[in-house]
Protein backbone atom coordinates (compact mmCIF):
# COMPACT_ATOMS: atom_id res chain seq x y z
CA UNK A 1 59.74 163.77 138.68
CA UNK A 2 59.30 160.02 138.65
CA UNK A 3 55.80 160.23 137.16
CA UNK A 4 56.85 159.86 133.48
CA UNK A 5 59.01 156.82 134.21
CA UNK A 6 56.27 155.36 136.40
CA UNK A 7 53.72 155.81 133.62
CA UNK A 8 55.97 154.00 131.14
CA UNK A 9 56.55 151.14 133.58
CA UNK A 10 52.83 150.85 134.33
CA UNK A 11 51.97 150.82 130.63
CA UNK A 12 54.52 148.13 129.85
CA UNK A 13 53.70 146.02 132.90
CA UNK A 14 49.96 146.55 132.73
CA UNK A 15 49.88 146.01 128.98
CA UNK A 16 51.78 142.73 129.25
CA UNK A 17 49.62 141.55 132.15
CA UNK A 18 46.44 142.50 130.31
CA UNK A 19 47.54 140.76 127.11
CA UNK A 20 48.50 137.68 129.11
CA UNK A 21 45.14 137.64 130.85
CA UNK A 22 43.28 137.91 127.54
CA UNK A 23 45.31 135.08 126.02
CA UNK A 24 44.91 133.02 129.19
CA UNK A 25 41.16 133.40 128.77
CA UNK A 26 41.46 131.86 125.32
CA UNK A 27 41.62 134.82 122.95
CA UNK A 28 44.33 133.73 120.51
CA UNK A 29 43.39 134.71 116.93
CA UNK A 30 46.54 133.09 115.48
CA UNK A 31 45.19 129.72 116.61
CA UNK A 32 41.62 130.49 115.58
CA UNK A 33 40.49 131.11 119.17
CA UNK A 34 38.29 134.18 119.54
CA UNK A 35 36.01 133.63 122.53
CA UNK A 36 36.85 134.30 126.17
CA UNK A 37 36.33 131.65 128.83
CA UNK A 38 37.80 130.29 132.05
CA UNK A 39 38.13 126.76 130.67
CA UNK A 40 41.91 127.03 130.34
CA UNK A 41 42.26 127.94 134.01
CA UNK A 42 39.91 125.06 134.85
CA UNK A 43 41.96 122.70 132.67
CA UNK A 44 45.15 123.74 134.45
CA UNK A 45 43.70 123.44 137.95
CA UNK A 46 42.17 120.06 137.12
CA UNK A 47 45.28 118.61 135.49
CA UNK A 48 47.01 115.96 137.68
CA UNK A 49 50.36 117.17 136.33
CA UNK A 50 49.58 120.64 137.66
CA UNK A 51 48.95 119.31 141.15
CA UNK A 52 52.21 117.32 141.11
CA UNK A 53 54.10 120.37 139.87
CA UNK A 54 52.43 122.53 142.51
CA UNK A 55 53.44 120.19 145.34
CA UNK A 56 56.99 119.96 144.01
CA UNK A 57 57.24 123.74 143.75
CA UNK A 58 55.87 124.20 147.26
CA UNK A 59 58.30 121.58 148.58
CA UNK A 60 61.31 123.30 147.00
CA UNK A 61 60.22 126.82 147.99
CA UNK A 62 59.32 125.91 151.57
CA UNK A 63 62.42 123.74 152.10
CA UNK A 64 64.76 126.38 150.70
CA UNK A 65 63.14 129.13 152.73
CA UNK A 66 63.09 127.15 155.98
CA UNK A 67 66.73 126.02 155.71
CA UNK A 68 67.94 129.49 154.69
CA UNK A 69 65.99 131.12 157.52
CA UNK A 70 67.32 128.70 160.15
CA UNK A 71 70.93 129.13 159.05
CA UNK A 72 70.46 132.90 158.79
CA UNK A 73 69.35 133.12 162.42
CA UNK A 74 72.54 131.35 163.51
CA UNK A 75 74.72 133.49 161.24
CA UNK A 76 73.09 136.75 162.34
CA UNK A 77 73.55 135.98 166.02
CA UNK A 78 77.20 135.17 165.28
CA UNK A 79 77.86 138.28 163.19
CA UNK A 80 76.18 140.64 165.66
CA UNK A 81 78.75 139.61 168.26
CA UNK A 82 81.58 140.70 165.96
CA UNK A 83 82.83 144.23 165.74
CA UNK A 84 81.38 146.23 162.86
CA UNK A 85 84.97 147.10 161.97
CA UNK A 86 85.62 143.46 161.04
CA UNK A 87 84.82 144.21 157.44
CA UNK A 88 86.55 141.22 155.88
CA UNK A 89 84.11 138.67 157.29
CA UNK A 90 81.13 140.84 156.35
CA UNK A 91 82.52 141.32 152.83
CA UNK A 92 83.05 137.59 152.33
CA UNK A 93 79.57 136.90 153.65
CA UNK A 94 77.99 139.30 151.15
CA UNK A 95 79.68 137.79 148.07
CA UNK A 96 76.75 135.46 147.23
CA UNK A 97 74.49 138.52 146.87
CA UNK A 98 76.47 139.64 143.82
CA UNK A 99 76.40 136.27 142.05
CA UNK A 100 73.40 135.57 139.76
CA UNK A 101 71.32 132.48 140.45
CA UNK A 102 72.11 131.11 137.00
CA UNK A 103 75.85 131.23 137.67
CA UNK A 104 75.39 129.29 140.90
CA UNK A 105 73.21 126.74 139.10
CA UNK A 106 75.91 126.18 136.47
CA UNK A 107 78.46 125.78 139.27
CA UNK A 108 76.23 123.14 140.85
CA UNK A 109 76.24 121.22 137.56
CA UNK A 110 80.05 121.24 137.48
CA UNK A 111 80.32 120.20 141.13
CA UNK A 112 77.44 117.83 141.90
CA UNK A 113 76.93 115.69 138.80
CA UNK A 114 78.32 112.11 138.86
CA UNK A 115 81.19 113.31 136.67
CA UNK A 116 81.61 116.61 138.53
CA UNK A 117 84.43 117.95 140.66
CA UNK A 118 83.21 116.53 143.96
CA UNK A 119 82.67 113.07 142.47
CA UNK A 120 86.15 113.05 140.96
CA UNK A 121 87.71 114.18 144.22
CA UNK A 122 85.95 111.40 146.13
CA UNK A 123 87.07 108.84 143.53
CA UNK A 124 90.68 110.06 143.82
CA UNK A 125 90.46 109.67 147.59
CA UNK A 126 89.36 106.07 147.09
CA UNK A 127 86.03 106.52 148.85
CA UNK A 128 84.05 105.27 145.84
CA UNK A 129 85.07 103.11 142.89
CA UNK A 130 83.43 105.00 140.03
CA UNK A 131 81.13 107.89 139.20
CA UNK A 132 78.22 105.43 139.04
CA UNK A 133 78.44 105.08 142.84
CA UNK A 134 78.05 108.84 143.35
CA UNK A 135 74.49 109.80 144.39
CA UNK A 136 72.31 111.65 141.90
CA UNK A 137 72.14 115.24 143.14
CA UNK A 138 71.27 117.03 139.88
CA UNK A 139 67.98 116.44 138.03
CA UNK A 140 66.98 114.25 140.98
CA UNK A 141 63.54 113.60 142.45
CA UNK A 142 64.33 115.48 145.68
CA UNK A 143 65.60 118.62 143.87
CA UNK A 144 68.66 118.70 146.14
CA UNK A 145 70.77 120.85 143.82
CA UNK A 146 67.93 123.36 143.40
CA UNK A 147 67.47 123.67 147.15
CA UNK A 148 71.23 124.01 147.71
CA UNK A 149 71.40 126.76 145.09
CA UNK A 150 68.60 128.76 146.69
CA UNK A 151 69.91 128.21 150.23
CA UNK A 152 73.43 129.36 149.33
CA UNK A 153 72.08 132.40 147.53
CA UNK A 154 69.41 133.51 150.01
CA UNK A 155 71.19 133.03 153.35
CA UNK A 156 73.08 136.37 153.07
CA UNK A 157 69.87 138.23 152.16
CA UNK A 158 67.91 136.97 155.17
CA UNK A 159 70.92 137.28 157.47
CA UNK A 160 71.54 140.92 156.60
CA UNK A 161 67.90 141.82 157.26
CA UNK A 162 68.02 140.10 160.64
CA UNK A 163 71.42 141.58 161.43
CA UNK A 164 70.18 145.12 160.84
CA UNK A 165 67.43 144.59 163.41
CA UNK A 166 69.72 142.99 165.97
CA UNK A 167 72.27 145.79 165.70
CA UNK A 168 69.61 148.43 166.09
CA UNK A 169 67.83 147.11 169.16
CA UNK A 170 68.86 143.56 169.94
CA UNK A 171 72.32 144.18 171.40
CA UNK A 172 71.07 146.34 174.26
CA UNK A 173 68.27 143.91 175.07
CA UNK A 174 70.70 141.00 175.13
CA UNK A 175 72.92 142.91 177.55
CA UNK A 176 69.92 143.46 179.80
CA UNK A 177 69.20 139.74 179.62
CA UNK A 178 72.76 138.89 180.65
CA UNK A 179 72.53 141.35 183.52
CA UNK A 180 69.37 139.60 184.72
CA UNK A 181 71.20 136.23 184.57
CA UNK A 182 69.10 134.89 181.69
CA UNK A 183 70.57 131.79 180.06
CA UNK A 184 71.52 131.55 176.40
CA UNK A 185 68.31 129.75 175.44
CA UNK A 186 66.20 132.19 177.47
CA UNK A 187 67.86 135.16 175.77
CA UNK A 188 67.21 133.60 172.37
CA UNK A 189 63.61 132.66 173.11
CA UNK A 190 62.47 135.81 174.90
CA UNK A 191 64.72 138.48 173.35
CA UNK A 192 66.30 137.52 170.04
CA UNK A 193 63.40 135.63 168.47
CA UNK A 194 60.68 138.23 169.25
CA UNK A 195 63.02 141.00 168.07
CA UNK A 196 63.80 139.44 164.69
CA UNK A 197 60.41 137.82 164.01
CA UNK A 198 58.90 140.60 161.85
CA UNK A 199 61.99 141.05 159.69
CA UNK A 200 62.55 137.29 159.53
CA UNK A 201 58.98 136.77 158.41
CA UNK A 202 59.19 139.49 155.75
CA UNK A 203 62.52 138.25 154.39
CA UNK A 204 61.35 134.63 154.37
CA UNK A 205 58.20 135.49 152.45
CA UNK A 206 60.24 137.41 149.88
CA UNK A 207 62.55 134.41 149.47
CA UNK A 208 59.55 132.08 149.22
CA UNK A 209 57.95 134.27 146.55
CA UNK A 210 61.14 134.30 144.51
CA UNK A 211 61.92 130.59 144.78
CA UNK A 212 58.30 129.73 144.02
CA UNK A 213 58.26 131.70 140.78
CA UNK A 214 61.89 131.48 139.57
CA UNK A 215 62.50 129.68 136.28
CA UNK A 216 66.18 129.41 135.44
CA UNK A 217 67.42 127.24 138.33
CA UNK A 218 64.73 124.51 138.11
CA UNK A 219 64.97 124.58 134.31
CA UNK A 220 68.68 123.76 134.50
CA UNK A 221 68.79 121.54 137.59
CA UNK A 222 65.30 120.07 137.84
CA UNK A 223 63.96 116.70 136.77
CA UNK A 224 61.94 116.24 133.60
CA UNK A 225 58.85 114.95 135.44
CA UNK A 226 57.22 116.29 137.42
CA UNK A 227 58.41 119.78 136.57
CA UNK A 228 58.27 122.78 138.82
CA UNK A 229 55.44 125.14 137.94
CA UNK A 230 57.53 127.87 136.22
CA UNK A 231 59.11 125.24 133.95
CA UNK A 232 55.74 123.62 133.30
CA UNK A 233 54.25 126.99 132.35
CA UNK A 234 57.17 127.70 130.00
CA UNK A 235 56.83 124.24 128.42
CA UNK A 236 53.16 124.83 127.63
CA UNK A 237 53.71 128.39 126.45
CA UNK A 238 56.54 127.43 124.08
CA UNK A 239 54.76 124.34 122.75
CA UNK A 240 54.57 124.13 118.95
CA UNK A 241 50.85 123.55 119.40
CA UNK A 242 49.41 127.03 119.84
CA UNK A 243 46.35 125.55 121.52
CA UNK A 244 48.54 124.80 124.57
CA UNK A 245 49.66 128.42 124.93
CA UNK A 246 46.59 129.68 126.84
CA UNK A 247 47.15 127.00 129.48
CA UNK A 248 50.79 128.03 129.79
CA UNK A 249 49.75 131.63 130.30
CA UNK A 250 47.04 130.58 132.76
CA UNK A 251 49.68 128.69 134.76
CA UNK A 252 51.89 131.77 134.78
CA UNK A 253 49.04 133.94 136.03
CA UNK A 254 48.27 131.47 138.81
CA UNK A 255 51.95 131.59 139.77
CA UNK A 256 51.87 135.38 139.74
CA UNK A 257 48.79 135.42 141.98
CA UNK A 258 50.49 133.18 144.56
CA UNK A 259 53.62 135.36 144.48
CA UNK A 260 51.52 138.52 144.93
CA UNK A 261 49.88 137.00 148.01
CA UNK A 262 53.32 136.23 149.46
CA UNK A 263 54.51 139.78 148.75
CA UNK A 264 51.41 141.24 150.42
CA UNK A 265 52.07 139.20 153.54
CA UNK A 266 55.71 140.29 153.51
CA UNK A 267 54.55 143.91 153.45
CA UNK A 268 52.29 143.20 156.42
CA UNK A 269 55.26 141.81 158.33
CA UNK A 270 57.31 144.86 157.35
CA UNK A 271 54.63 147.25 158.60
CA UNK A 272 54.40 145.24 161.82
CA UNK A 273 58.15 145.65 162.29
CA UNK A 274 58.00 149.38 161.66
CA UNK A 275 55.22 149.80 164.20
CA UNK A 276 57.58 148.18 166.70
CA UNK A 277 60.27 150.70 165.81
CA UNK A 278 62.33 148.41 163.60
CA UNK A 279 63.75 149.96 160.43
CA UNK A 280 64.01 147.49 157.52
């Protein structure tokens, strides 16, 4: 029954991917480019700007994923101790899942800029004299606002995946640990962490793949140089010079390849969890 819809999706996705690959190889008749070659991929990989953008993108994706994962472990261990009937806390915790990333990014602009809400509140409290004394948190070199956006958005996702595992098998194991007089750290190290590791790894890789390839948040909150890879790819693709388009597409395909690798590893973690009897 799903075959017709699947065929349509495969045609649209495969057609777009194939067209992108052809253009990334340099076939762009509108710009007088007919031959196919890998020179555009070589130009991208050899460009110093690409390497800077790659390191920046890795820094943001890894930092966001690591912080979100660490906080999620704490939140999951807290929520699993609550009664499942305490729906209010669970409902409040799931609110970020319903808010688009772009909305959160816009909220960050209103809150974290030198003329934003937080800066004005601090000025009114007399902690700083003017907005010029407020630290630069948007369009800054450390991408703080981008990381905060991803962390706030992804913590509920990772937490809920961990929480499902803990509720299924972790509670009983923790009770056994308490019965055997295991300390809190011992229970975490030998029971909680091994139990949640497969689901934590899968969720973290999914978050990494998304934050690595997402465009809208770094486009709005990121610095102008160096750019994160999705923004750099968009800049080249939308350049008025059509000769730059193949390099933009090549950058996008490189991004897609990295994301696919992350997704494959997340599936491996998921299968590992299922072999251990964990339902994700």
